[in-house]
Amino acid sequence: MIEKAEAVIHLELPSERESRIVYRALKPETESPPSQRSRVYIELDGRTLTLKFEATDTTALRAALNSYLRWIMLVDNLYSTVESLLG
């Protein structure tokens, strides 16, 4: 039995600038996935990032979701820190 798992996440960020920064940070990860078990596609439309996940099974899907959400949180935290330092 072949199992396939998919998910789509739409994230609306506070600004287009922040959306572009997150997009540019994640785009290289989508071009050379670390595993053959999952694939992620990313699109940018204004302030909205769309991430499309395809995986061979639910375990691989969960791992990919966790990784990308963690990276998004990291970039968002760094962006907020830099913005607060620059005033």
N, C-alpha and C. Protein backbone atom coordinates (compact mmCIF):
# COMPACT_ATOMS: atom_id res chain seq x y z
N MET A 1 0.84 -1.18 0.00
CA MET A 1 0.00 0.00 0.00
C MET A 1 0.88 1.25 0.00
N ILE A 2 0.61 2.15 -0.92
CA ILE A 2 1.35 3.41 -0.99
C ILE A 2 0.55 4.47 -0.26
N GLU A 3 1.20 5.06 0.72
CA GLU A 3 0.57 6.12 1.49
C GLU A 3 1.17 7.45 1.06
N LYS A 4 0.35 8.47 0.91
CA LYS A 4 0.84 9.79 0.56
C LYS A 4 0.18 10.79 1.48
N ALA A 5 0.97 11.77 1.91
CA ALA A 5 0.45 12.79 2.82
C ALA A 5 0.77 14.16 2.24
N GLU A 6 -0.19 15.07 2.37
CA GLU A 6 -0.02 16.42 1.86
C GLU A 6 -0.58 17.43 2.85
N ALA A 7 -0.03 18.64 2.79
CA ALA A 7 -0.55 19.74 3.62
C ALA A 7 -0.23 21.05 2.92
N VAL A 8 -1.08 22.04 3.16
CA VAL A 8 -0.85 23.39 2.64
C VAL A 8 -1.03 24.36 3.80
N ILE A 9 -0.06 25.27 3.93
CA ILE A 9 -0.13 26.29 4.98
C ILE A 9 -0.03 27.66 4.32
N HIS A 10 -0.94 28.54 4.70
CA HIS A 10 -0.92 29.93 4.26
C HIS A 10 -0.59 30.79 5.48
N LEU A 11 0.49 31.54 5.39
CA LEU A 11 0.90 32.41 6.50
C LEU A 11 0.86 33.86 6.04
N GLU A 12 0.09 34.67 6.74
CA GLU A 12 0.07 36.10 6.45
C GLU A 12 0.94 36.79 7.48
N LEU A 13 2.03 37.37 7.01
CA LEU A 13 2.99 38.03 7.88
C LEU A 13 2.67 39.52 7.98
N PRO A 14 3.22 40.20 9.00
CA PRO A 14 2.87 41.60 9.24
C PRO A 14 3.20 42.56 8.09
N SER A 15 4.24 42.25 7.31
CA SER A 15 4.62 43.17 6.23
C SER A 15 5.14 42.40 5.03
N GLU A 16 5.12 43.06 3.87
CA GLU A 16 5.67 42.44 2.67
C GLU A 16 7.17 42.24 2.81
N ARG A 17 7.82 43.18 3.48
CA ARG A 17 9.27 43.06 3.68
C ARG A 17 9.61 41.80 4.48
N GLU A 18 8.89 41.59 5.57
CA GLU A 18 9.13 40.40 6.39
C GLU A 18 8.81 39.13 5.60
N SER A 19 7.76 39.17 4.81
CA SER A 19 7.40 38.01 3.98
C SER A 19 8.51 37.68 2.99
N ARG A 20 9.07 38.72 2.36
CA ARG A 20 10.18 38.50 1.40
C ARG A 20 11.39 37.91 2.11
N ILE A 21 11.69 38.39 3.31
CA ILE A 21 12.85 37.89 4.05
C ILE A 21 12.66 36.41 4.39
N VAL A 22 11.48 36.05 4.89
CA VAL A 22 11.21 34.65 5.22
C VAL A 22 11.26 33.80 3.95
N TYR A 23 10.68 34.29 2.87
CA TYR A 23 10.68 33.56 1.60
C TYR A 23 12.11 33.28 1.14
N ARG A 24 12.94 34.32 1.15
CA ARG A 24 14.34 34.16 0.70
C ARG A 24 15.12 33.23 1.62
N ALA A 25 14.79 33.21 2.89
CA ALA A 25 15.48 32.32 3.83
C ALA A 25 15.10 30.86 3.59
N LEU A 26 13.85 30.61 3.22
CA LEU A 26 13.37 29.23 3.06
C LEU A 26 13.55 28.67 1.65
N LYS A 27 13.58 29.52 0.66
CA LYS A 27 13.62 29.07 -0.74
C LYS A 27 14.75 28.07 -1.03
N PRO A 28 15.99 28.31 -0.56
CA PRO A 28 17.05 27.33 -0.84
C PRO A 28 16.75 25.93 -0.28
N GLU A 29 16.05 25.88 0.84
CA GLU A 29 15.70 24.58 1.43
C GLU A 29 14.74 23.80 0.53
N THR A 30 13.89 24.51 -0.19
CA THR A 30 12.93 23.84 -1.07
C THR A 30 13.58 23.34 -2.35
N GLU A 31 14.70 23.94 -2.71
CA GLU A 31 15.37 23.57 -3.96
C GLU A 31 16.27 22.35 -3.83
N SER A 32 16.71 22.06 -2.63
CA SER A 32 17.53 20.85 -2.41
C SER A 32 17.09 20.19 -1.10
N PRO A 33 15.98 19.44 -1.16
CA PRO A 33 15.45 18.82 0.05
C PRO A 33 16.43 17.83 0.67
N PRO A 34 16.50 17.80 2.01
CA PRO A 34 17.43 16.90 2.69
C PRO A 34 17.00 15.44 2.64
N SER A 35 15.77 15.18 2.23
CA SER A 35 15.26 13.82 2.22
C SER A 35 14.44 13.57 0.95
N GLN A 36 14.44 12.35 0.51
CA GLN A 36 13.61 11.96 -0.64
C GLN A 36 12.17 11.71 -0.22
N ARG A 37 11.92 11.71 1.09
CA ARG A 37 10.60 11.37 1.61
C ARG A 37 9.62 12.54 1.61
N SER A 38 10.14 13.75 1.45
CA SER A 38 9.23 14.90 1.44
C SER A 38 9.74 15.98 0.50
N ARG A 39 8.80 16.78 0.06
CA ARG A 39 9.11 17.88 -0.85
C ARG A 39 8.24 19.06 -0.44
N VAL A 40 8.81 20.27 -0.50
CA VAL A 40 8.08 21.47 -0.12
C VAL A 40 8.20 22.50 -1.24
N TYR A 41 7.08 23.12 -1.56
CA TYR A 41 7.03 24.19 -2.55
C TYR A 41 6.60 25.46 -1.82
N ILE A 42 7.24 26.58 -2.15
CA ILE A 42 6.93 27.83 -1.48
C ILE A 42 6.57 28.90 -2.50
N GLU A 43 5.56 29.68 -2.18
CA GLU A 43 5.12 30.78 -3.04
C GLU A 43 4.94 32.02 -2.19
N LEU A 44 5.17 33.17 -2.80
CA LEU A 44 5.01 34.45 -2.12
C LEU A 44 4.02 35.31 -2.89
N ASP A 45 3.05 35.85 -2.18
CA ASP A 45 2.07 36.76 -2.78
C ASP A 45 1.81 37.88 -1.78
N GLY A 46 2.54 38.97 -1.96
CA GLY A 46 2.41 40.09 -1.02
C GLY A 46 2.89 39.70 0.36
N ARG A 47 1.99 39.77 1.33
CA ARG A 47 2.34 39.41 2.71
C ARG A 47 2.11 37.93 3.00
N THR A 48 1.59 37.20 2.03
CA THR A 48 1.20 35.80 2.27
C THR A 48 2.21 34.82 1.69
N LEU A 49 2.69 33.94 2.54
CA LEU A 49 3.53 32.82 2.13
C LEU A 49 2.66 31.57 2.07
N THR A 50 2.80 30.81 1.02
CA THR A 50 2.10 29.54 0.92
C THR A 50 3.13 28.43 0.82
N LEU A 51 3.02 27.47 1.72
CA LEU A 51 3.92 26.31 1.71
C LEU A 51 3.09 25.07 1.41
N LYS A 52 3.50 24.34 0.38
CA LYS A 52 2.82 23.11 -0.01
C LYS A 52 3.75 21.94 0.29
N PHE A 53 3.29 21.04 1.12
CA PHE A 53 4.08 19.90 1.55
C PHE A 53 3.55 18.63 0.90
N GLU A 54 4.46 17.82 0.38
CA GLU A 54 4.13 16.50 -0.15
C GLU A 54 5.10 15.51 0.48
N ALA A 55 4.58 14.43 0.99
CA ALA A 55 5.44 13.45 1.65
C ALA A 55 4.98 12.03 1.34
N THR A 56 5.90 11.11 1.52
CA THR A 56 5.58 9.71 1.24
C THR A 56 4.71 9.10 2.33
N ASP A 57 4.73 9.69 3.53
CA ASP A 57 3.93 9.18 4.64
C ASP A 57 3.73 10.29 5.68
N THR A 58 2.88 10.03 6.65
CA THR A 58 2.56 11.05 7.65
C THR A 58 3.74 11.39 8.55
N THR A 59 4.61 10.45 8.79
CA THR A 59 5.79 10.72 9.62
C THR A 59 6.71 11.72 8.92
N ALA A 60 6.94 11.52 7.64
CA ALA A 60 7.77 12.44 6.87
C ALA A 60 7.10 13.81 6.76
N LEU A 61 5.78 13.82 6.61
CA LEU A 61 5.05 15.09 6.54
C LEU A 61 5.20 15.86 7.85
N ARG A 62 5.02 15.19 8.97
CA ARG A 62 5.16 15.83 10.27
C ARG A 62 6.55 16.41 10.45
N ALA A 63 7.57 15.65 10.07
CA ALA A 63 8.96 16.11 10.21
C ALA A 63 9.20 17.36 9.36
N ALA A 64 8.70 17.36 8.14
CA ALA A 64 8.87 18.53 7.26
C ALA A 64 8.13 19.74 7.81
N LEU A 65 6.89 19.54 8.24
CA LEU A 65 6.12 20.64 8.84
C LEU A 65 6.84 21.23 10.04
N ASN A 66 7.30 20.37 10.93
CA ASN A 66 8.01 20.84 12.13
C ASN A 66 9.26 21.64 11.75
N SER A 67 10.03 21.14 10.80
CA SER A 67 11.25 21.84 10.39
C SER A 67 10.94 23.22 9.83
N TYR A 68 10.01 23.29 8.90
CA TYR A 68 9.71 24.58 8.27
C TYR A 68 9.08 25.56 9.26
N LEU A 69 8.20 25.09 10.11
CA LEU A 69 7.60 26.00 11.10
C LEU A 69 8.65 26.51 12.08
N ARG A 70 9.59 25.65 12.44
CA ARG A 70 10.69 26.08 13.33
C ARG A 70 11.55 27.13 12.64
N TRP A 71 11.87 26.91 11.37
CA TRP A 71 12.69 27.87 10.62
C TRP A 71 11.95 29.21 10.48
N ILE A 72 10.66 29.16 10.24
CA ILE A 72 9.88 30.39 10.13
C ILE A 72 9.90 31.15 11.45
N MET A 73 9.71 30.44 12.56
CA MET A 73 9.77 31.09 13.87
C MET A 73 11.14 31.70 14.12
N LEU A 74 12.19 31.01 13.73
CA LEU A 74 13.55 31.51 13.92
C LEU A 74 13.76 32.80 13.12
N VAL A 75 13.39 32.79 11.85
CA VAL A 75 13.57 33.98 11.01
C VAL A 75 12.72 35.13 11.56
N ASP A 76 11.50 34.84 11.98
CA ASP A 76 10.63 35.88 12.53
C ASP A 76 11.23 36.48 13.81
N ASN A 77 11.77 35.63 14.68
CA ASN A 77 12.41 36.13 15.90
C ASN A 77 13.63 36.98 15.59
N LEU A 78 14.44 36.53 14.64
CA LEU A 78 15.62 37.32 14.25
C LEU A 78 15.21 38.65 13.64
N TYR A 79 14.20 38.63 12.80
CA TYR A 79 13.70 39.86 12.17
C TYR A 79 13.23 40.84 13.25
N SER A 80 12.46 40.35 14.21
CA SER A 80 11.95 41.21 15.29
C SER A 80 13.09 41.78 16.12
N THR A 81 14.09 40.96 16.41
CA THR A 81 15.23 41.42 17.20
C THR A 81 16.00 42.51 16.47
N VAL A 82 16.27 42.29 15.20
CA VAL A 82 17.01 43.29 14.41
C VAL A 82 16.19 44.58 14.30
N GLU A 83 14.90 44.47 14.05
CA GLU A 83 14.04 45.66 13.95
C GLU A 83 14.04 46.45 15.26
N SER A 84 14.01 45.75 16.40
CA SER A 84 13.99 46.45 17.68
C SER A 84 15.34 47.11 17.97
N LEU A 85 16.43 46.50 17.51
CA LEU A 85 17.75 47.09 17.71
C LEU A 85 17.95 48.32 16.83
N LEU A 86 17.38 48.28 15.63
CA LEU A 86 17.54 49.41 14.70
C LEU A 86 16.56 50.54 14.99
N GLY A 87 15.55 50.23 15.78
CA GLY A 87 14.59 51.26 16.19
C GLY A 87 13.56 51.47 15.22
